[in-house]
Amino acid sequence: MTTEGQPMQDMLSKWGREVAERGFTQVPNYLLQINMFVHDDHKLSPTEMVVLLHLVASWWKKNEMPFPAMNTIADRAGISERQVQRSIKALEQKGYLTKTKKKIKGVIASNVYDLSPLVKVLEEVAKHFINKHPRQIKAPENVGSSAEQKRKTRSKARQKSDDSESSIG
C-alpha cells in the first residue's frame, strides 16, 4: 500500500533530488512498445517517437492539450525544427494526434496538439494485446471529495476493528 507522497519518494530515491525536482513524465509502456503492436504503416520512426514523447511530456492535465513550440521540441530533442514538422505531419497522418491552432483574441498564438487519438490507439492495443504482468493500480478518488472519502475509510476501518474485537474470545 502506498501513501500519497510515495510516488515522489520513489522518484527521489531512484533519481535523486536535483533530477526529481526538474520534473518527470508518466508514459504508458504500450506507447514505448507501440511498434510491436501496430501495422507497418503505423509504426513510428525513432524521430517520430522522440517528438511524440516530448508532446506527452508537455501534456500535464487531461483537458489541457499540450502546445509546445516546434523550436522548443527541436531544442529539447536535439533535432532540427524541420524534422519536428515532418514528424508531427507523419503523426497526424498515422492517426496519433491532431494539430490545431491556438488563438488568443483571434490571433494564432501556437499549435495545440490533441493526443486523444493516441489514447484511443493505446486503448485498442490494450484490448487486443493483454498485459501478462499487470500492475496494481488504485483508481483516483473524486476531486473535492477526497477528505470525505478518507473520513469514511477511517470510519469503516474503526468499525471493522471494533467488530473484530467483539468477535474475539
N, C-alpha and C. Protein backbone atom coordinates (compact mmCIF):
# COMPACT_ATOMS: atom_id res chain seq x y z
N MET A 1 0.84 -1.17 0.00
CA MET A 1 0.00 0.00 0.00
C MET A 1 0.89 1.24 0.00
N THR A 2 0.56 2.21 -0.85
CA THR A 2 1.39 3.41 -0.93
C THR A 2 0.65 4.60 -0.35
N THR A 3 1.39 5.55 0.14
CA THR A 3 0.80 6.79 0.63
C THR A 3 0.78 7.79 -0.50
N GLU A 4 0.12 8.93 -0.27
CA GLU A 4 0.02 9.93 -1.33
C GLU A 4 1.39 10.42 -1.80
N GLY A 5 2.35 10.52 -0.92
CA GLY A 5 3.66 11.01 -1.29
C GLY A 5 4.62 9.95 -1.79
N GLN A 6 4.17 8.71 -1.80
CA GLN A 6 5.05 7.60 -2.16
C GLN A 6 5.64 7.71 -3.57
N PRO A 7 4.86 8.03 -4.61
CA PRO A 7 5.49 8.12 -5.94
C PRO A 7 6.64 9.12 -5.98
N MET A 8 6.49 10.26 -5.32
CA MET A 8 7.57 11.25 -5.32
C MET A 8 8.76 10.74 -4.51
N GLN A 9 8.48 10.04 -3.40
CA GLN A 9 9.57 9.47 -2.62
C GLN A 9 10.33 8.44 -3.44
N ASP A 10 9.61 7.63 -4.21
CA ASP A 10 10.27 6.66 -5.09
C ASP A 10 11.13 7.38 -6.12
N MET A 11 10.61 8.47 -6.66
CA MET A 11 11.35 9.25 -7.65
C MET A 11 12.62 9.83 -7.01
N LEU A 12 12.49 10.35 -5.81
CA LEU A 12 13.65 10.92 -5.11
C LEU A 12 14.70 9.84 -4.84
N SER A 13 14.27 8.69 -4.35
CA SER A 13 15.25 7.65 -4.03
C SER A 13 15.89 7.06 -5.28
N LYS A 14 15.15 7.04 -6.36
CA LYS A 14 15.68 6.47 -7.60
C LYS A 14 16.62 7.42 -8.32
N TRP A 15 16.22 8.68 -8.47
CA TRP A 15 16.95 9.62 -9.32
C TRP A 15 17.70 10.71 -8.56
N GLY A 16 17.38 10.92 -7.30
CA GLY A 16 17.99 12.00 -6.54
C GLY A 16 17.16 13.27 -6.63
N ARG A 17 17.32 14.14 -5.64
CA ARG A 17 16.51 15.35 -5.52
C ARG A 17 16.66 16.29 -6.71
N GLU A 18 17.88 16.57 -7.13
CA GLU A 18 18.08 17.54 -8.22
C GLU A 18 17.40 17.10 -9.51
N VAL A 19 17.45 15.82 -9.80
CA VAL A 19 16.80 15.31 -11.02
C VAL A 19 15.29 15.31 -10.84
N ALA A 20 14.80 14.82 -9.71
CA ALA A 20 13.35 14.73 -9.47
C ALA A 20 12.70 16.11 -9.47
N GLU A 21 13.38 17.11 -8.93
CA GLU A 21 12.81 18.45 -8.88
C GLU A 21 12.66 19.07 -10.26
N ARG A 22 13.38 18.58 -11.23
CA ARG A 22 13.26 19.09 -12.61
C ARG A 22 11.96 18.62 -13.25
N GLY A 23 11.37 17.56 -12.73
CA GLY A 23 10.11 17.05 -13.24
C GLY A 23 10.27 15.68 -13.87
N PHE A 24 9.14 15.03 -14.08
CA PHE A 24 9.15 13.71 -14.69
C PHE A 24 7.83 13.51 -15.43
N THR A 25 7.81 12.51 -16.27
CA THR A 25 6.66 12.25 -17.13
C THR A 25 6.22 10.80 -16.99
N GLN A 26 4.91 10.60 -16.92
CA GLN A 26 4.37 9.25 -16.92
C GLN A 26 4.09 8.86 -18.37
N VAL A 27 4.65 7.73 -18.77
CA VAL A 27 4.48 7.25 -20.15
C VAL A 27 4.03 5.79 -20.09
N PRO A 28 2.89 5.47 -20.73
CA PRO A 28 2.45 4.08 -20.73
C PRO A 28 3.45 3.18 -21.46
N ASN A 29 3.65 1.99 -20.92
CA ASN A 29 4.55 1.04 -21.58
C ASN A 29 4.07 0.69 -22.98
N TYR A 30 2.75 0.65 -23.19
CA TYR A 30 2.24 0.36 -24.53
C TYR A 30 2.72 1.41 -25.54
N LEU A 31 2.89 2.66 -25.10
CA LEU A 31 3.41 3.67 -26.01
C LEU A 31 4.87 3.41 -26.34
N LEU A 32 5.65 3.10 -25.31
CA LEU A 32 7.07 2.83 -25.55
C LEU A 32 7.28 1.63 -26.48
N GLN A 33 6.32 0.71 -26.46
CA GLN A 33 6.44 -0.52 -27.25
C GLN A 33 5.47 -0.54 -28.44
N ILE A 34 4.96 0.61 -28.83
CA ILE A 34 3.90 0.70 -29.84
C ILE A 34 4.25 -0.03 -31.13
N ASN A 35 5.50 0.02 -31.54
CA ASN A 35 5.87 -0.59 -32.82
C ASN A 35 5.72 -2.11 -32.81
N MET A 36 5.63 -2.71 -31.64
CA MET A 36 5.41 -4.16 -31.54
C MET A 36 3.96 -4.52 -31.86
N PHE A 37 3.06 -3.55 -31.79
CA PHE A 37 1.63 -3.83 -31.83
C PHE A 37 0.88 -3.29 -33.04
N VAL A 38 1.49 -2.41 -33.82
CA VAL A 38 0.78 -1.78 -34.93
C VAL A 38 1.30 -2.28 -36.27
N HIS A 39 0.48 -2.09 -37.30
CA HIS A 39 0.88 -2.46 -38.66
C HIS A 39 2.06 -1.59 -39.10
N ASP A 40 2.79 -2.08 -40.07
CA ASP A 40 3.99 -1.38 -40.55
C ASP A 40 3.73 0.08 -40.91
N ASP A 41 2.57 0.36 -41.52
CA ASP A 41 2.29 1.73 -41.95
C ASP A 41 1.95 2.67 -40.79
N HIS A 42 1.84 2.12 -39.58
CA HIS A 42 1.59 2.96 -38.40
C HIS A 42 2.75 2.94 -37.40
N LYS A 43 3.82 2.25 -37.77
CA LYS A 43 4.99 2.23 -36.88
C LYS A 43 5.64 3.60 -36.86
N LEU A 44 6.24 3.92 -35.73
CA LEU A 44 6.90 5.21 -35.55
C LEU A 44 8.39 5.11 -35.81
N SER A 45 8.90 6.10 -36.51
CA SER A 45 10.35 6.19 -36.67
C SER A 45 10.92 6.66 -35.33
N PRO A 46 12.21 6.50 -35.12
CA PRO A 46 12.79 7.00 -33.87
C PRO A 46 12.53 8.49 -33.65
N THR A 47 12.62 9.27 -34.71
CA THR A 47 12.38 10.72 -34.59
C THR A 47 10.93 11.00 -34.23
N GLU A 48 10.00 10.30 -34.86
CA GLU A 48 8.58 10.47 -34.54
C GLU A 48 8.32 10.10 -33.08
N MET A 49 8.93 9.04 -32.61
CA MET A 49 8.76 8.62 -31.21
C MET A 49 9.27 9.70 -30.26
N VAL A 50 10.44 10.24 -30.54
CA VAL A 50 11.00 11.26 -29.66
C VAL A 50 10.10 12.50 -29.64
N VAL A 51 9.61 12.91 -30.79
CA VAL A 51 8.71 14.08 -30.85
C VAL A 51 7.44 13.78 -30.07
N LEU A 52 6.88 12.59 -30.26
CA LEU A 52 5.66 12.23 -29.55
C LEU A 52 5.89 12.20 -28.04
N LEU A 53 7.01 11.66 -27.61
CA LEU A 53 7.32 11.63 -26.18
C LEU A 53 7.46 13.05 -25.61
N HIS A 54 8.01 13.97 -26.39
CA HIS A 54 8.10 15.36 -25.92
C HIS A 54 6.72 16.01 -25.84
N LEU A 55 5.83 15.65 -26.74
CA LEU A 55 4.46 16.15 -26.64
C LEU A 55 3.77 15.57 -25.41
N VAL A 56 3.95 14.29 -25.17
CA VAL A 56 3.38 13.65 -23.99
C VAL A 56 3.93 14.31 -22.72
N ALA A 57 5.21 14.62 -22.72
CA ALA A 57 5.84 15.25 -21.55
C ALA A 57 5.28 16.66 -21.30
N SER A 58 4.72 17.27 -22.32
CA SER A 58 4.15 18.61 -22.18
C SER A 58 2.65 18.57 -21.86
N TRP A 59 2.09 17.38 -21.80
CA TRP A 59 0.65 17.21 -21.53
C TRP A 59 0.46 16.95 -20.04
N TRP A 60 0.21 18.01 -19.28
CA TRP A 60 0.15 17.90 -17.83
C TRP A 60 -1.23 17.59 -17.30
N LYS A 61 -2.27 18.13 -17.93
CA LYS A 61 -3.63 17.93 -17.45
C LYS A 61 -4.48 17.36 -18.57
N LYS A 62 -5.35 16.41 -18.21
CA LYS A 62 -6.13 15.68 -19.20
C LYS A 62 -6.87 16.61 -20.17
N ASN A 63 -7.48 17.64 -19.67
CA ASN A 63 -8.31 18.51 -20.50
C ASN A 63 -7.58 19.74 -21.04
N GLU A 64 -6.28 19.78 -20.88
CA GLU A 64 -5.47 20.89 -21.41
C GLU A 64 -4.40 20.31 -22.32
N MET A 65 -4.67 20.40 -23.61
CA MET A 65 -3.76 19.81 -24.59
C MET A 65 -2.43 20.56 -24.62
N PRO A 66 -1.34 19.84 -24.92
CA PRO A 66 -0.03 20.47 -24.95
C PRO A 66 0.11 21.42 -26.14
N PHE A 67 0.94 22.44 -25.97
CA PHE A 67 1.15 23.41 -27.04
C PHE A 67 2.60 23.90 -27.11
N PRO A 68 3.58 23.00 -26.99
CA PRO A 68 4.97 23.46 -27.10
C PRO A 68 5.28 23.95 -28.51
N ALA A 69 6.12 24.94 -28.61
CA ALA A 69 6.55 25.44 -29.92
C ALA A 69 7.43 24.39 -30.59
N MET A 70 7.38 24.36 -31.89
CA MET A 70 8.20 23.38 -32.63
C MET A 70 9.69 23.58 -32.35
N ASN A 71 10.12 24.83 -32.24
CA ASN A 71 11.54 25.04 -31.95
C ASN A 71 11.90 24.57 -30.54
N THR A 72 10.95 24.61 -29.61
CA THR A 72 11.18 24.09 -28.26
C THR A 72 11.37 22.58 -28.31
N ILE A 73 10.49 21.91 -29.05
CA ILE A 73 10.62 20.45 -29.20
C ILE A 73 11.95 20.12 -29.87
N ALA A 74 12.29 20.87 -30.90
CA ALA A 74 13.55 20.64 -31.62
C ALA A 74 14.75 20.78 -30.68
N ASP A 75 14.77 21.84 -29.89
CA ASP A 75 15.87 22.06 -28.95
C ASP A 75 15.97 20.93 -27.94
N ARG A 76 14.83 20.55 -27.38
CA ARG A 76 14.82 19.50 -26.36
C ARG A 76 15.23 18.15 -26.93
N ALA A 77 14.82 17.87 -28.17
CA ALA A 77 15.09 16.57 -28.78
C ALA A 77 16.45 16.51 -29.49
N GLY A 78 17.06 17.67 -29.69
CA GLY A 78 18.34 17.68 -30.39
C GLY A 78 18.21 17.42 -31.88
N ILE A 79 17.09 17.86 -32.46
CA ILE A 79 16.85 17.68 -33.89
C ILE A 79 16.47 19.03 -34.49
N SER A 80 16.36 19.09 -35.80
CA SER A 80 16.01 20.36 -36.44
C SER A 80 14.50 20.61 -36.35
N GLU A 81 14.14 21.86 -36.48
CA GLU A 81 12.72 22.22 -36.47
C GLU A 81 12.00 21.57 -37.64
N ARG A 82 12.67 21.46 -38.77
CA ARG A 82 12.07 20.81 -39.94
C ARG A 82 11.77 19.33 -39.65
N GLN A 83 12.66 18.65 -38.92
CA GLN A 83 12.40 17.25 -38.55
C GLN A 83 11.18 17.16 -37.65
N VAL A 84 11.01 18.13 -36.76
CA VAL A 84 9.83 18.17 -35.89
C VAL A 84 8.58 18.34 -36.75
N GLN A 85 8.62 19.26 -37.69
CA GLN A 85 7.47 19.49 -38.58
C GLN A 85 7.09 18.22 -39.33
N ARG A 86 8.09 17.55 -39.91
CA ARG A 86 7.83 16.32 -40.65
C ARG A 86 7.26 15.23 -39.74
N SER A 87 7.80 15.14 -38.53
CA SER A 87 7.32 14.12 -37.58
C SER A 87 5.88 14.38 -37.16
N ILE A 88 5.56 15.62 -36.89
CA ILE A 88 4.19 15.96 -36.49
C ILE A 88 3.22 15.66 -37.63
N LYS A 89 3.62 15.99 -38.84
CA LYS A 89 2.77 15.68 -40.00
C LYS A 89 2.56 14.17 -40.11
N ALA A 90 3.63 13.39 -39.94
CA ALA A 90 3.52 11.93 -40.01
C ALA A 90 2.65 11.39 -38.87
N LEU A 91 2.80 11.94 -37.67
CA LEU A 91 2.00 11.50 -36.53
C LEU A 91 0.51 11.79 -36.76
N GLU A 92 0.24 12.91 -37.41
CA GLU A 92 -1.15 13.22 -37.77
C GLU A 92 -1.67 12.21 -38.79
N GLN A 93 -0.88 11.95 -39.83
CA GLN A 93 -1.30 11.03 -40.89
C GLN A 93 -1.50 9.61 -40.37
N LYS A 94 -0.71 9.22 -39.39
CA LYS A 94 -0.81 7.87 -38.82
C LYS A 94 -1.92 7.76 -37.77
N GLY A 95 -2.52 8.89 -37.44
CA GLY A 95 -3.65 8.88 -36.52
C GLY A 95 -3.31 8.94 -35.04
N TYR A 96 -2.14 9.48 -34.70
CA TYR A 96 -1.74 9.56 -33.29
C TYR A 96 -2.07 10.91 -32.64
N LEU A 97 -2.30 11.93 -33.44
CA LEU A 97 -2.62 13.25 -32.89
C LEU A 97 -3.32 14.09 -33.95
N THR A 98 -3.92 15.17 -33.48
CA THR A 98 -4.43 16.19 -34.39
C THR A 98 -3.84 17.52 -33.94
N LYS A 99 -3.49 18.31 -34.92
CA LYS A 99 -2.87 19.62 -34.64
C LYS A 99 -3.89 20.70 -34.99
N THR A 100 -4.07 21.62 -34.07
CA THR A 100 -4.94 22.77 -34.33
C THR A 100 -4.19 24.03 -33.93
N LYS A 101 -4.74 25.15 -34.30
CA LYS A 101 -4.13 26.44 -33.97
C LYS A 101 -4.78 26.99 -32.72
N LYS A 102 -3.97 27.42 -31.78
CA LYS A 102 -4.45 28.06 -30.56
C LYS A 102 -4.53 29.56 -30.83
N LYS A 103 -5.71 30.11 -30.61
CA LYS A 103 -5.90 31.54 -30.84
C LYS A 103 -6.12 32.26 -29.52
N ILE A 104 -5.49 33.39 -29.40
CA ILE A 104 -5.71 34.28 -28.27
C ILE A 104 -6.18 35.61 -28.84
N LYS A 105 -7.40 35.98 -28.49
CA LYS A 105 -8.02 37.21 -29.01
C LYS A 105 -8.01 37.23 -30.53
N GLY A 106 -8.29 36.07 -31.13
CA GLY A 106 -8.38 35.97 -32.58
C GLY A 106 -7.07 35.85 -33.32
N VAL A 107 -5.96 35.91 -32.60
CA VAL A 107 -4.63 35.82 -33.22
C VAL A 107 -4.04 34.43 -32.92
N ILE A 108 -3.51 33.79 -33.97
CA ILE A 108 -2.90 32.46 -33.77
C ILE A 108 -1.67 32.61 -32.88
N ALA A 109 -1.71 31.92 -31.73
CA ALA A 109 -0.62 32.01 -30.76
C ALA A 109 0.35 30.84 -30.88
N SER A 110 -0.18 29.65 -31.13
CA SER A 110 0.68 28.47 -31.23
C SER A 110 -0.14 27.30 -31.74
N ASN A 111 0.54 26.20 -31.99
CA ASN A 111 -0.13 24.95 -32.32
C ASN A 111 -0.53 24.26 -31.02
N VAL A 112 -1.66 23.58 -31.06
CA VAL A 112 -2.11 22.77 -29.94
C VAL A 112 -2.21 21.35 -30.47
N TYR A 113 -1.74 20.39 -29.67
CA TYR A 113 -1.70 19.01 -30.11
C TYR A 113 -2.67 18.19 -29.28
N ASP A 114 -3.72 17.69 -29.93
CA ASP A 114 -4.71 16.85 -29.28
C ASP A 114 -4.21 15.41 -29.34
N LEU A 115 -3.94 14.84 -28.17
CA LEU A 115 -3.40 13.49 -28.09
C LEU A 115 -4.48 12.44 -27.81
N SER A 116 -5.75 12.84 -27.87
CA SER A 116 -6.81 11.85 -27.65
C SER A 116 -6.79 10.73 -28.68
N PRO A 117 -6.40 10.98 -29.95
CA PRO A 117 -6.26 9.84 -30.87
C PRO A 117 -5.22 8.82 -30.39
N LEU A 118 -4.14 9.29 -29.80
CA LEU A 118 -3.12 8.39 -29.24
C LEU A 118 -3.71 7.55 -28.12
N VAL A 119 -4.48 8.19 -27.26
CA VAL A 119 -5.12 7.47 -26.15
C VAL A 119 -6.00 6.35 -26.71
N LYS A 120 -6.77 6.65 -27.74
CA LYS A 120 -7.66 5.64 -28.35
C LYS A 120 -6.85 4.49 -28.95
N VAL A 121 -5.75 4.81 -29.62
CA VAL A 121 -4.89 3.76 -30.19
C VAL A 121 -4.37 2.86 -29.07
N LEU A 122 -3.89 3.46 -28.00
CA LEU A 122 -3.33 2.66 -26.90
C LEU A 122 -4.42 1.83 -26.20
N GLU A 123 -5.63 2.37 -26.12
CA GLU A 123 -6.73 1.59 -25.55
C GLU A 123 -7.02 0.36 -26.42
N GLU A 124 -6.98 0.54 -27.74
CA GLU A 124 -7.19 -0.59 -28.65
C GLU A 124 -6.07 -1.62 -28.52
N VAL A 125 -4.85 -1.13 -28.41
CA VAL A 125 -3.71 -2.04 -28.22
C VAL A 125 -3.92 -2.84 -26.95
N ALA A 126 -4.32 -2.16 -25.88
CA ALA A 126 -4.52 -2.84 -24.60
C ALA A 126 -5.62 -3.90 -24.68
N LYS A 127 -6.65 -3.65 -25.48
CA LYS A 127 -7.73 -4.63 -25.63
C LYS A 127 -7.27 -5.88 -26.38
N HIS A 128 -6.41 -5.69 -27.37
CA HIS A 128 -6.01 -6.79 -28.24
C HIS A 128 -4.74 -7.52 -27.79
N PHE A 129 -3.93 -6.84 -27.02
CA PHE A 129 -2.68 -7.44 -26.55
C PHE A 129 -2.67 -7.39 -25.03
N ILE A 130 -3.18 -8.42 -24.44
CA ILE A 130 -3.37 -8.47 -22.99
C ILE A 130 -2.02 -8.42 -22.28
N ASN A 131 -1.96 -7.62 -21.25
CA ASN A 131 -0.76 -7.48 -20.44
C ASN A 131 -0.61 -8.72 -19.56
N LYS A 132 0.49 -9.42 -19.74
CA LYS A 132 0.73 -10.64 -18.97
C LYS A 132 1.20 -10.34 -17.55
N HIS A 133 1.63 -9.10 -17.30
CA HIS A 133 2.14 -8.71 -15.99
C HIS A 133 1.51 -7.38 -15.57
N PRO A 134 0.19 -7.37 -15.30
CA PRO A 134 -0.47 -6.10 -14.97
C PRO A 134 0.01 -5.52 -13.64
N ARG A 135 0.04 -4.22 -13.57
CA ARG A 135 0.42 -3.51 -12.35
C ARG A 135 -0.84 -3.32 -11.51
N GLN A 136 -0.67 -3.31 -10.21
CA GLN A 136 -1.79 -2.99 -9.32
C GLN A 136 -1.89 -1.47 -9.26
N ILE A 137 -3.02 -0.95 -9.73
CA ILE A 137 -3.21 0.50 -9.69
C ILE A 137 -4.46 0.81 -8.91
N LYS A 138 -4.46 1.97 -8.29
CA LYS A 138 -5.59 2.42 -7.50
C LYS A 138 -6.26 3.54 -8.26
N ALA A 139 -7.56 3.44 -8.44
CA ALA A 139 -8.30 4.50 -9.12
C ALA A 139 -8.25 5.76 -8.26
N PRO A 140 -8.09 6.91 -8.91
CA PRO A 140 -8.04 8.15 -8.13
C PRO A 140 -9.38 8.45 -7.48
N GLU A 141 -9.30 9.04 -6.31
CA GLU A 141 -10.53 9.45 -5.63
C GLU A 141 -11.09 10.67 -6.35
N ASN A 142 -12.39 10.86 -6.24
CA ASN A 142 -13.02 12.02 -6.87
C ASN A 142 -12.45 13.30 -6.29
N VAL A 143 -12.14 14.24 -7.16
CA VAL A 143 -11.61 15.52 -6.72
C VAL A 143 -12.68 16.22 -5.90
N GLY A 144 -12.27 16.81 -4.79
CA GLY A 144 -13.20 17.54 -3.96
C GLY A 144 -13.83 16.68 -2.88
N SER A 145 -13.81 15.37 -3.04
CA SER A 145 -14.42 14.52 -2.03
C SER A 145 -13.38 13.65 -1.34
N SER A 146 -12.12 13.92 -1.58
CA SER A 146 -11.09 13.05 -1.02
C SER A 146 -11.08 13.10 0.50
N ALA A 147 -11.31 14.25 1.10
CA ALA A 147 -11.33 14.33 2.56
C ALA A 147 -12.50 13.53 3.10
N GLU A 148 -13.66 13.66 2.46
CA GLU A 148 -14.84 12.90 2.88
C GLU A 148 -14.60 11.40 2.70
N GLN A 149 -13.97 11.02 1.58
CA GLN A 149 -13.69 9.61 1.32
C GLN A 149 -12.73 9.06 2.38
N LYS A 150 -11.71 9.82 2.73
CA LYS A 150 -10.76 9.37 3.74
C LYS A 150 -11.45 9.20 5.09
N ARG A 151 -12.35 10.14 5.42
CA ARG A 151 -13.08 10.05 6.67
C ARG A 151 -13.92 8.77 6.70
N LYS A 152 -14.61 8.47 5.59
CA LYS A 152 -15.43 7.26 5.52
C LYS A 152 -14.56 6.01 5.64
N THR A 153 -13.39 6.03 5.00
CA THR A 153 -12.48 4.89 5.06
C THR A 153 -12.00 4.65 6.48
N ARG A 154 -11.63 5.74 7.18
CA ARG A 154 -11.18 5.61 8.57
C ARG A 154 -12.32 5.10 9.44
N SER A 155 -13.52 5.61 9.20
CA SER A 155 -14.68 5.18 9.98
C SER A 155 -14.95 3.68 9.77
N LYS A 156 -14.88 3.23 8.50
CA LYS A 156 -15.09 1.81 8.21
C LYS A 156 -14.00 0.96 8.87
N ALA A 157 -12.76 1.44 8.85
CA ALA A 157 -11.65 0.70 9.46
C ALA A 157 -11.87 0.57 10.96
N ARG A 158 -12.31 1.67 11.60
CA ARG A 158 -12.59 1.62 13.04
C ARG A 158 -13.72 0.64 13.33
N GLN A 159 -14.75 0.67 12.49
CA GLN A 159 -15.89 -0.22 12.68
C GLN A 159 -15.47 -1.68 12.55
N LYS A 160 -14.64 -1.97 11.53
CA LYS A 160 -14.14 -3.34 11.36
C LYS A 160 -13.32 -3.77 12.58
N SER A 161 -12.49 -2.83 13.07
CA SER A 161 -11.67 -3.13 14.24
C SER A 161 -12.54 -3.42 15.45
N ASP A 162 -13.58 -2.60 15.64
CA ASP A 162 -14.49 -2.82 16.76
C ASP A 162 -15.22 -4.15 16.61
N ASP A 163 -15.66 -4.47 15.39
CA ASP A 163 -16.36 -5.72 15.12
C ASP A 163 -15.46 -6.92 15.41
N SER A 164 -14.20 -6.84 14.96
CA SER A 164 -13.30 -7.97 15.16
C SER A 164 -12.96 -8.16 16.63
N GLU A 165 -12.85 -7.04 17.38
CA GLU A 165 -12.57 -7.15 18.80
C GLU A 165 -13.74 -7.78 19.54
N SER A 166 -14.97 -7.45 19.09
CA SER A 166 -16.13 -8.00 19.77
C SER A 166 -16.33 -9.47 19.44
N SER A 167 -15.76 -9.95 18.34
CA SER A 167 -15.95 -11.35 17.98
C SER A 167 -14.82 -12.24 18.52
N ILE A 168 -13.80 -11.64 19.08
CA ILE A 168 -12.68 -12.43 19.63
C ILE A 168 -13.11 -12.98 20.98
N GLY A 169 -12.75 -14.25 21.27
CA GLY A 169 -12.90 -14.83 22.58
C GLY A 169 -14.20 -15.42 22.81
